[in-house]
N, C-alpha and C. Protein backbone atom coordinates (compact mmCIF):
# COMPACT_ATOMS: atom_id res chain seq x y z
N MET A 1 12.45 -0.41 -15.88
CA MET A 1 13.43 -1.05 -15.36
C MET A 1 14.10 0.32 -14.30
N ARG A 2 14.08 0.30 -13.05
CA ARG A 2 14.74 0.97 -12.25
C ARG A 2 16.32 0.73 -12.01
N THR A 3 16.79 1.82 -12.13
CA THR A 3 18.29 1.83 -11.59
C THR A 3 18.68 2.56 -10.51
N GLY A 4 19.97 1.75 -9.61
CA GLY A 4 20.64 2.06 -8.77
C GLY A 4 22.12 2.98 -8.79
N ALA A 5 22.59 2.34 -7.55
CA ALA A 5 24.65 3.08 -7.54
C ALA A 5 24.69 2.18 -8.43
N HIS A 6 24.07 0.55 -8.39
CA HIS A 6 25.34 -0.78 -9.01
C HIS A 6 24.52 -1.40 -9.82
N THR A 7 23.32 -1.55 -9.26
CA THR A 7 22.11 -2.02 -10.02
C THR A 7 21.24 -1.94 -10.76
N GLN A 8 20.36 -2.41 -11.62
CA GLN A 8 19.09 -2.37 -12.29
C GLN A 8 17.92 -3.32 -11.66
N TYR A 9 17.02 -2.84 -11.74
CA TYR A 9 15.85 -4.01 -11.48
C TYR A 9 14.33 -3.80 -11.89
N ASP A 10 13.58 -4.09 -11.41
CA ASP A 10 12.08 -4.00 -11.59
C ASP A 10 11.62 -4.80 -10.51
N LEU A 11 11.33 -4.58 -9.28
CA LEU A 11 10.71 -5.56 -8.69
C LEU A 11 9.13 -4.77 -8.17
N GLN A 12 8.11 -5.93 -8.70
CA GLN A 12 6.51 -5.02 -9.15
C GLN A 12 5.87 -6.16 -8.07
N VAL A 13 5.18 -5.91 -7.61
CA VAL A 13 4.76 -6.60 -6.05
C VAL A 13 3.44 -6.02 -6.28
N HIS A 14 2.92 -7.15 -5.97
CA HIS A 14 0.95 -6.93 -6.14
C HIS A 14 0.24 -7.32 -5.08
N ILE A 15 -0.28 -6.22 -4.56
CA ILE A 15 -0.63 -6.26 -2.96
C ILE A 15 -2.01 -6.15 -2.39
N VAL A 16 -2.83 -7.47 -1.77
CA VAL A 16 -4.20 -6.64 -1.15
C VAL A 16 -3.92 -6.60 0.41
N TRP A 17 -4.61 -5.68 0.59
CA TRP A 17 -5.19 -5.99 2.12
C TRP A 17 -6.40 -5.29 2.34
N LEU A 18 -7.27 -5.58 3.14
CA LEU A 18 -8.60 -5.52 3.79
C LEU A 18 -9.29 -4.66 5.11
N THR A 19 -10.50 -4.21 5.17
CA THR A 19 -10.13 -3.50 6.31
C THR A 19 -11.02 -4.60 7.32
N LYS A 20 -10.10 -4.17 8.67
CA LYS A 20 -10.85 -5.32 9.55
C LYS A 20 -12.07 -5.07 9.74
N TYR A 21 -12.37 -7.03 9.82
CA TYR A 21 -14.14 -6.94 9.98
C TYR A 21 -14.35 -6.79 7.99
N ARG A 22 -13.93 -6.82 7.58
CA ARG A 22 -14.67 -6.31 6.23
C ARG A 22 -15.50 -5.27 6.25
N LYS A 23 -14.78 -4.35 6.74
CA LYS A 23 -16.35 -3.49 6.94
C LYS A 23 -16.34 -2.74 5.69
N LYS A 24 -17.18 -1.91 4.94
CA LYS A 24 -17.38 -1.43 3.84
C LYS A 24 -17.30 -0.09 4.20
N ILE A 25 -16.23 0.24 4.24
CA ILE A 25 -15.96 2.18 5.14
C ILE A 25 -15.20 2.81 4.05
N LEU A 26 -14.14 2.23 2.90
CA LEU A 26 -13.82 2.92 1.80
C LEU A 26 -14.93 3.40 0.54
N LYS A 27 -14.90 4.37 0.79
CA LYS A 27 -16.26 5.46 -0.14
C LYS A 27 -15.83 6.46 0.05
N TYR A 28 -16.48 7.20 -1.04
CA TYR A 28 -16.55 8.77 -0.85
C TYR A 28 -15.09 9.46 -0.45
N LYS A 29 -15.15 10.27 0.41
CA LYS A 29 -14.53 11.18 1.10
C LYS A 29 -12.95 10.53 1.71
N ILE A 30 -13.52 9.09 2.28
CA ILE A 30 -12.71 7.92 2.86
C ILE A 30 -11.67 7.71 1.66
N ALA A 31 -12.19 7.34 0.64
CA ALA A 31 -11.88 6.65 0.13
C ALA A 31 -10.53 7.57 -1.48
N LYS A 32 -11.05 8.83 -1.39
CA LYS A 32 -10.52 9.54 -1.88
C LYS A 32 -9.24 10.47 -0.93
N ARG A 33 -8.95 10.43 0.31
CA ARG A 33 -7.78 10.38 1.05
C ARG A 33 -7.59 9.79 1.19
N LEU A 34 -7.79 8.40 1.31
CA LEU A 34 -6.95 7.13 1.34
C LEU A 34 -5.69 7.17 0.32
N LYS A 35 -6.68 7.48 -1.01
CA LYS A 35 -5.70 7.54 -2.62
C LYS A 35 -4.58 8.64 -2.25
N ALA A 36 -4.57 9.53 -1.57
CA ALA A 36 -3.47 10.58 -1.40
C ALA A 36 -2.41 10.09 -0.44
N LEU A 37 -3.05 9.68 0.88
CA LEU A 37 -2.32 9.42 1.45
C LEU A 37 -1.36 7.93 0.88
N LEU A 38 -1.70 7.44 0.34
CA LEU A 38 -1.11 5.86 -0.25
C LEU A 38 -0.28 6.53 -1.33
N ILE A 39 -0.68 7.96 -2.22
CA ILE A 39 0.43 8.78 -3.02
C ILE A 39 1.52 9.02 -2.35
N GLN A 40 1.21 9.76 -1.18
CA GLN A 40 2.10 10.49 -0.75
C GLN A 40 3.22 9.69 0.11
N GLY A 41 2.65 8.64 -0.04
CA GLY A 41 3.76 7.49 1.85
C GLY A 41 4.95 6.79 0.64
N CYS A 42 3.82 6.48 -1.00
CA CYS A 42 4.78 5.70 -1.86
C CYS A 42 5.91 7.13 -2.16
N SER A 43 5.35 7.76 -2.63
CA SER A 43 6.53 9.04 -3.15
C SER A 43 7.66 9.33 -2.23
N ALA A 44 7.08 9.48 -0.39
CA ALA A 44 8.27 9.51 0.28
C ALA A 44 8.94 8.01 0.30
N LYS A 45 8.85 7.11 -0.09
CA LYS A 45 9.82 5.91 0.00
C LYS A 45 10.18 5.72 -1.38
N ASN A 46 10.15 6.55 -2.38
CA ASN A 46 10.67 5.99 -3.45
C ASN A 46 9.95 4.87 -4.07
N ILE A 47 8.83 4.51 -3.73
CA ILE A 47 8.15 3.36 -4.56
C ILE A 47 6.89 4.45 -5.63
N THR A 48 7.06 2.94 -6.27
CA THR A 48 6.56 3.69 -7.80
C THR A 48 4.97 2.96 -7.62
N ILE A 49 3.89 3.25 -7.45
CA ILE A 49 3.01 3.75 -7.84
C ILE A 49 1.93 2.53 -9.73
N ILE A 50 2.28 1.80 -9.76
CA ILE A 50 2.13 1.18 -11.35
C ILE A 50 0.39 1.35 -11.49
N LYS A 51 -0.57 0.83 -10.95
CA LYS A 51 -1.86 0.37 -10.06
C LYS A 51 -2.70 0.63 -9.33
N GLY A 52 -3.83 0.98 -9.12
CA GLY A 52 -4.31 0.81 -8.10
C GLY A 52 -6.26 0.68 -7.67
N ASN A 53 -6.38 -0.20 -7.18
CA ASN A 53 -7.84 0.11 -6.85
C ASN A 53 -8.46 0.13 -5.78
N ILE A 54 -8.91 0.85 -5.14
CA ILE A 54 -9.58 0.93 -3.77
C ILE A 54 -11.25 0.45 -3.59
N GLN A 55 -11.60 -0.76 -3.20
CA GLN A 55 -12.80 -1.01 -2.90
C GLN A 55 -13.21 -0.76 -2.36
N LEU A 56 -14.83 -0.92 -1.43
CA LEU A 56 -15.12 -0.86 -0.43
C LEU A 56 -14.51 -1.60 0.79
N ASP A 57 -14.16 -2.70 1.07
CA ASP A 57 -13.59 -2.95 2.09
C ASP A 57 -12.13 -3.55 1.90
N TYR A 58 -11.13 -3.35 0.25
CA TYR A 58 -10.13 -3.51 0.27
C TYR A 58 -9.63 -3.13 -0.36
N VAL A 59 -8.28 -3.33 -0.21
CA VAL A 59 -7.09 -2.33 -1.69
C VAL A 59 -6.64 -3.52 -2.37
N HIS A 60 -6.51 -3.00 -3.68
CA HIS A 60 -5.44 -3.43 -4.22
C HIS A 60 -4.57 -2.42 -4.96
N ILE A 61 -3.37 -3.11 -5.11
CA ILE A 61 -2.08 -1.88 -5.81
C ILE A 61 -0.62 -2.83 -5.95
N LEU A 62 -0.22 -2.01 -7.35
CA LEU A 62 0.80 -2.67 -8.31
C LEU A 62 1.72 -1.35 -7.76
N ILE A 63 3.14 -2.21 -7.14
CA ILE A 63 3.94 -1.22 -7.27
C ILE A 63 5.51 -1.92 -7.21
N SER A 64 6.23 -0.67 -7.42
CA SER A 64 7.19 -1.12 -7.76
C SER A 64 8.43 -0.43 -6.73
N ILE A 65 9.41 -1.54 -6.12
CA ILE A 65 10.02 -0.47 -4.99
C ILE A 65 11.24 -0.71 -4.67
N PRO A 66 11.83 -0.43 -4.09
CA PRO A 66 13.58 -0.12 -4.50
C PRO A 66 13.71 -1.31 -3.82
N THR A 67 15.51 -2.09 -4.15
CA THR A 67 15.88 -2.90 -3.05
C THR A 67 16.00 -3.03 -2.17
N SER A 68 16.07 -1.23 -1.27
CA SER A 68 16.01 -1.58 -0.22
C SER A 68 15.27 -1.52 0.46
N LEU A 69 13.91 -1.57 0.34
CA LEU A 69 12.83 -2.52 1.14
C LEU A 69 12.00 -3.61 0.82
N SER A 70 11.76 -3.88 2.05
CA SER A 70 11.49 -5.60 1.71
C SER A 70 9.29 -5.17 1.43
N VAL A 71 8.66 -5.85 1.35
CA VAL A 71 7.74 -5.91 1.41
C VAL A 71 6.88 -5.94 2.63
N ALA A 72 7.16 -6.39 3.61
CA ALA A 72 6.62 -5.88 5.18
C ALA A 72 6.92 -4.84 5.19
N GLN A 73 8.11 -3.98 5.08
CA GLN A 73 8.45 -3.05 5.71
C GLN A 73 7.70 -1.65 4.88
N VAL A 74 6.94 -2.16 3.63
CA VAL A 74 6.66 -1.54 2.58
C VAL A 74 4.85 -1.01 3.29
N MET A 75 4.62 -2.24 3.56
CA MET A 75 3.29 -2.39 4.95
C MET A 75 3.17 -2.07 5.79
N GLN A 76 3.94 -2.32 6.22
CA GLN A 76 4.24 -1.98 8.16
C GLN A 76 3.79 0.34 7.83
N TYR A 77 4.82 0.41 7.30
CA TYR A 77 4.67 1.61 6.34
C TYR A 77 3.39 2.05 6.03
N LEU A 78 2.92 1.86 5.09
CA LEU A 78 1.69 2.42 4.33
C LEU A 78 0.18 2.21 5.37
N LYS A 79 0.31 1.62 5.32
CA LYS A 79 -0.96 0.24 6.27
C LYS A 79 -1.13 1.30 7.82
N GLY A 80 0.19 1.30 8.32
CA GLY A 80 0.40 1.99 9.94
C GLY A 80 -0.21 3.71 9.59
N ARG A 81 0.30 4.16 8.85
CA ARG A 81 0.43 5.58 8.82
C ARG A 81 -1.12 6.02 7.80
N SER A 82 -1.25 5.59 6.90
CA SER A 82 -3.15 5.64 6.22
C SER A 82 -4.05 5.39 7.65
N SER A 83 -3.81 4.36 8.58
CA SER A 83 -4.97 4.09 9.62
C SER A 83 -5.00 5.08 10.47
N LYS A 84 -3.29 5.54 10.71
CA LYS A 84 -3.60 6.60 11.96
C LYS A 84 -4.30 7.87 11.62
N LYS A 85 -3.89 8.49 9.92
CA LYS A 85 -4.12 9.72 9.62
C LYS A 85 -5.60 9.42 9.02
N LEU A 86 -6.14 8.58 8.83
CA LEU A 86 -7.87 8.43 8.31
C LEU A 86 -8.84 8.34 9.78
N GLN A 87 -8.01 7.80 10.78
CA GLN A 87 -8.89 7.87 12.43
C GLN A 87 -8.40 8.94 12.87
N GLU A 88 -7.70 9.83 12.19
CA GLU A 88 -7.34 11.25 13.22
C GLU A 88 -8.38 12.42 12.12
N GLU A 89 -8.20 12.16 11.55
CA GLU A 89 -9.46 13.19 9.99
C GLU A 89 -10.60 12.37 10.06
N PHE A 90 -11.19 11.55 10.16
CA PHE A 90 -12.56 11.02 10.30
C PHE A 90 -12.89 10.41 11.27
N PRO A 91 -13.75 10.75 12.57
CA PRO A 91 -14.01 10.43 13.40
C PRO A 91 -14.67 9.44 13.47
N SER A 92 -15.47 9.67 12.59
CA SER A 92 -16.75 8.41 12.71
C SER A 92 -16.10 6.87 12.78
N LEU A 93 -14.43 7.10 11.93
CA LEU A 93 -13.72 5.69 11.87
C LEU A 93 -13.36 5.11 13.54
N ARG A 94 -12.55 5.98 14.46
CA ARG A 94 -12.13 6.19 15.36
C ARG A 94 -13.05 5.31 16.20
N LYS A 95 -14.60 5.70 15.86
CA LYS A 95 -15.52 4.83 16.92
C LYS A 95 -15.66 3.34 16.26
N GLN A 96 -15.29 3.12 14.94
CA GLN A 96 -15.58 1.71 14.85
C GLN A 96 -13.93 1.28 14.75
N PHE A 97 -13.16 1.69 14.98
CA PHE A 97 -11.92 0.67 15.17
C PHE A 97 -11.14 1.31 16.25
N TRP A 98 -11.34 0.69 17.47
CA TRP A 98 -10.34 1.00 18.54
C TRP A 98 -9.22 0.70 18.71
N GLY A 99 -8.44 0.89 19.47
CA GLY A 99 -6.60 0.56 19.07
C GLY A 99 -6.22 1.19 17.64
N GLN A 100 -6.48 1.66 17.20
CA GLN A 100 -6.21 2.33 15.74
C GLN A 100 -5.72 1.18 14.99
N HIS A 101 -6.45 0.05 14.95
CA HIS A 101 -6.51 -0.24 14.23
C HIS A 101 -7.61 -0.79 13.02
N MET A 102 -7.42 -0.22 11.69
CA MET A 102 -8.47 -0.29 10.64
C MET A 102 -8.09 -1.11 9.63
N TRP A 103 -6.77 -1.50 9.79
CA TRP A 103 -6.82 -2.64 8.88
C TRP A 103 -6.88 -3.95 9.82
N ALA A 104 -6.92 -5.21 8.90
CA ALA A 104 -7.10 -6.43 8.88
C ALA A 104 -5.82 -6.92 9.05
N THR A 105 -5.43 -7.61 9.99
CA THR A 105 -3.64 -8.16 9.94
C THR A 105 -3.61 -9.07 8.63
N GLY A 106 -2.42 -8.59 8.40
CA GLY A 106 -1.41 -9.71 7.49
C GLY A 106 -2.05 -9.24 5.94
N TYR A 107 -1.79 -9.41 4.96
CA TYR A 107 -1.66 -9.17 3.89
C TYR A 107 -1.94 -10.04 2.42
N PHE A 108 -1.99 -9.90 1.38
CA PHE A 108 -1.78 -10.81 0.46
C PHE A 108 -0.97 -10.11 -0.60
N CYS A 109 0.22 -10.84 -0.81
CA CYS A 109 1.36 -10.06 -1.83
C CYS A 109 2.41 -11.08 -3.49
N ARG A 110 2.57 -10.83 -3.90
CA ARG A 110 2.49 -11.59 -6.01
C ARG A 110 3.88 -10.64 -5.50
N LEU A 111 4.59 -11.02 -6.52
CA LEU A 111 5.97 -10.69 -6.76
C LEU A 111 5.78 -10.67 -8.40
N VAL A 112 5.77 -9.97 -8.96
CA VAL A 112 5.15 -9.35 -10.35
C VAL A 112 6.59 -9.41 -11.61
N GLY A 113 6.51 -10.37 -12.67
CA GLY A 113 7.78 -9.71 -13.46
C GLY A 113 8.03 -10.59 -14.39
N THR A 114 8.98 -10.22 -15.30
CA THR A 114 9.01 -11.21 -16.20
C THR A 114 11.01 -11.23 -16.31
N VAL A 115 11.34 -12.59 -16.70
CA VAL A 115 12.80 -12.69 -17.09
C VAL A 115 13.01 -12.93 -18.19
N THR A 116 14.25 -12.30 -18.44
CA THR A 116 14.90 -12.24 -19.54
C THR A 116 16.11 -12.57 -19.91
N ASN A 117 16.64 -12.82 -20.53
CA ASN A 117 17.53 -14.05 -21.41
C ASN A 117 19.13 -12.64 -20.90
N GLU A 118 18.90 -11.27 -20.82
CA GLU A 118 19.66 -10.97 -21.12
C GLU A 118 20.52 -10.58 -19.51
N MET A 119 22.26 -10.69 -19.32
CA MET A 119 22.96 -10.67 -18.44
C MET A 119 23.21 -8.74 -18.64
N VAL A 120 22.51 -8.17 -17.55
CA VAL A 120 23.67 -6.71 -17.24
C VAL A 120 24.93 -6.42 -16.44
């Protein structure tokens, strides 16, 4: 449970997004750097990472977000920042993905949580 000035909340969101063209590029140094970027980005926006998994061509992440952010804002930030940084640091990615679009358009998200009978 997280708290704000006048709120108590637990907004957990399961999100999955893919690399463009399902290219299997998220391995070794790239996956390690992506993990670090996601941790840094989430920390900067007060987002808690509960679980995460980076596969060769997609990312699964379960996060707890503050009430001040929408899922769309979170995804725009995480995908945009990670794509830009990874392509700057790994020139091989820049050759594969022109226009700084490393991630496929869109994402899957599902709100995860439990309902209690208690009123706060």
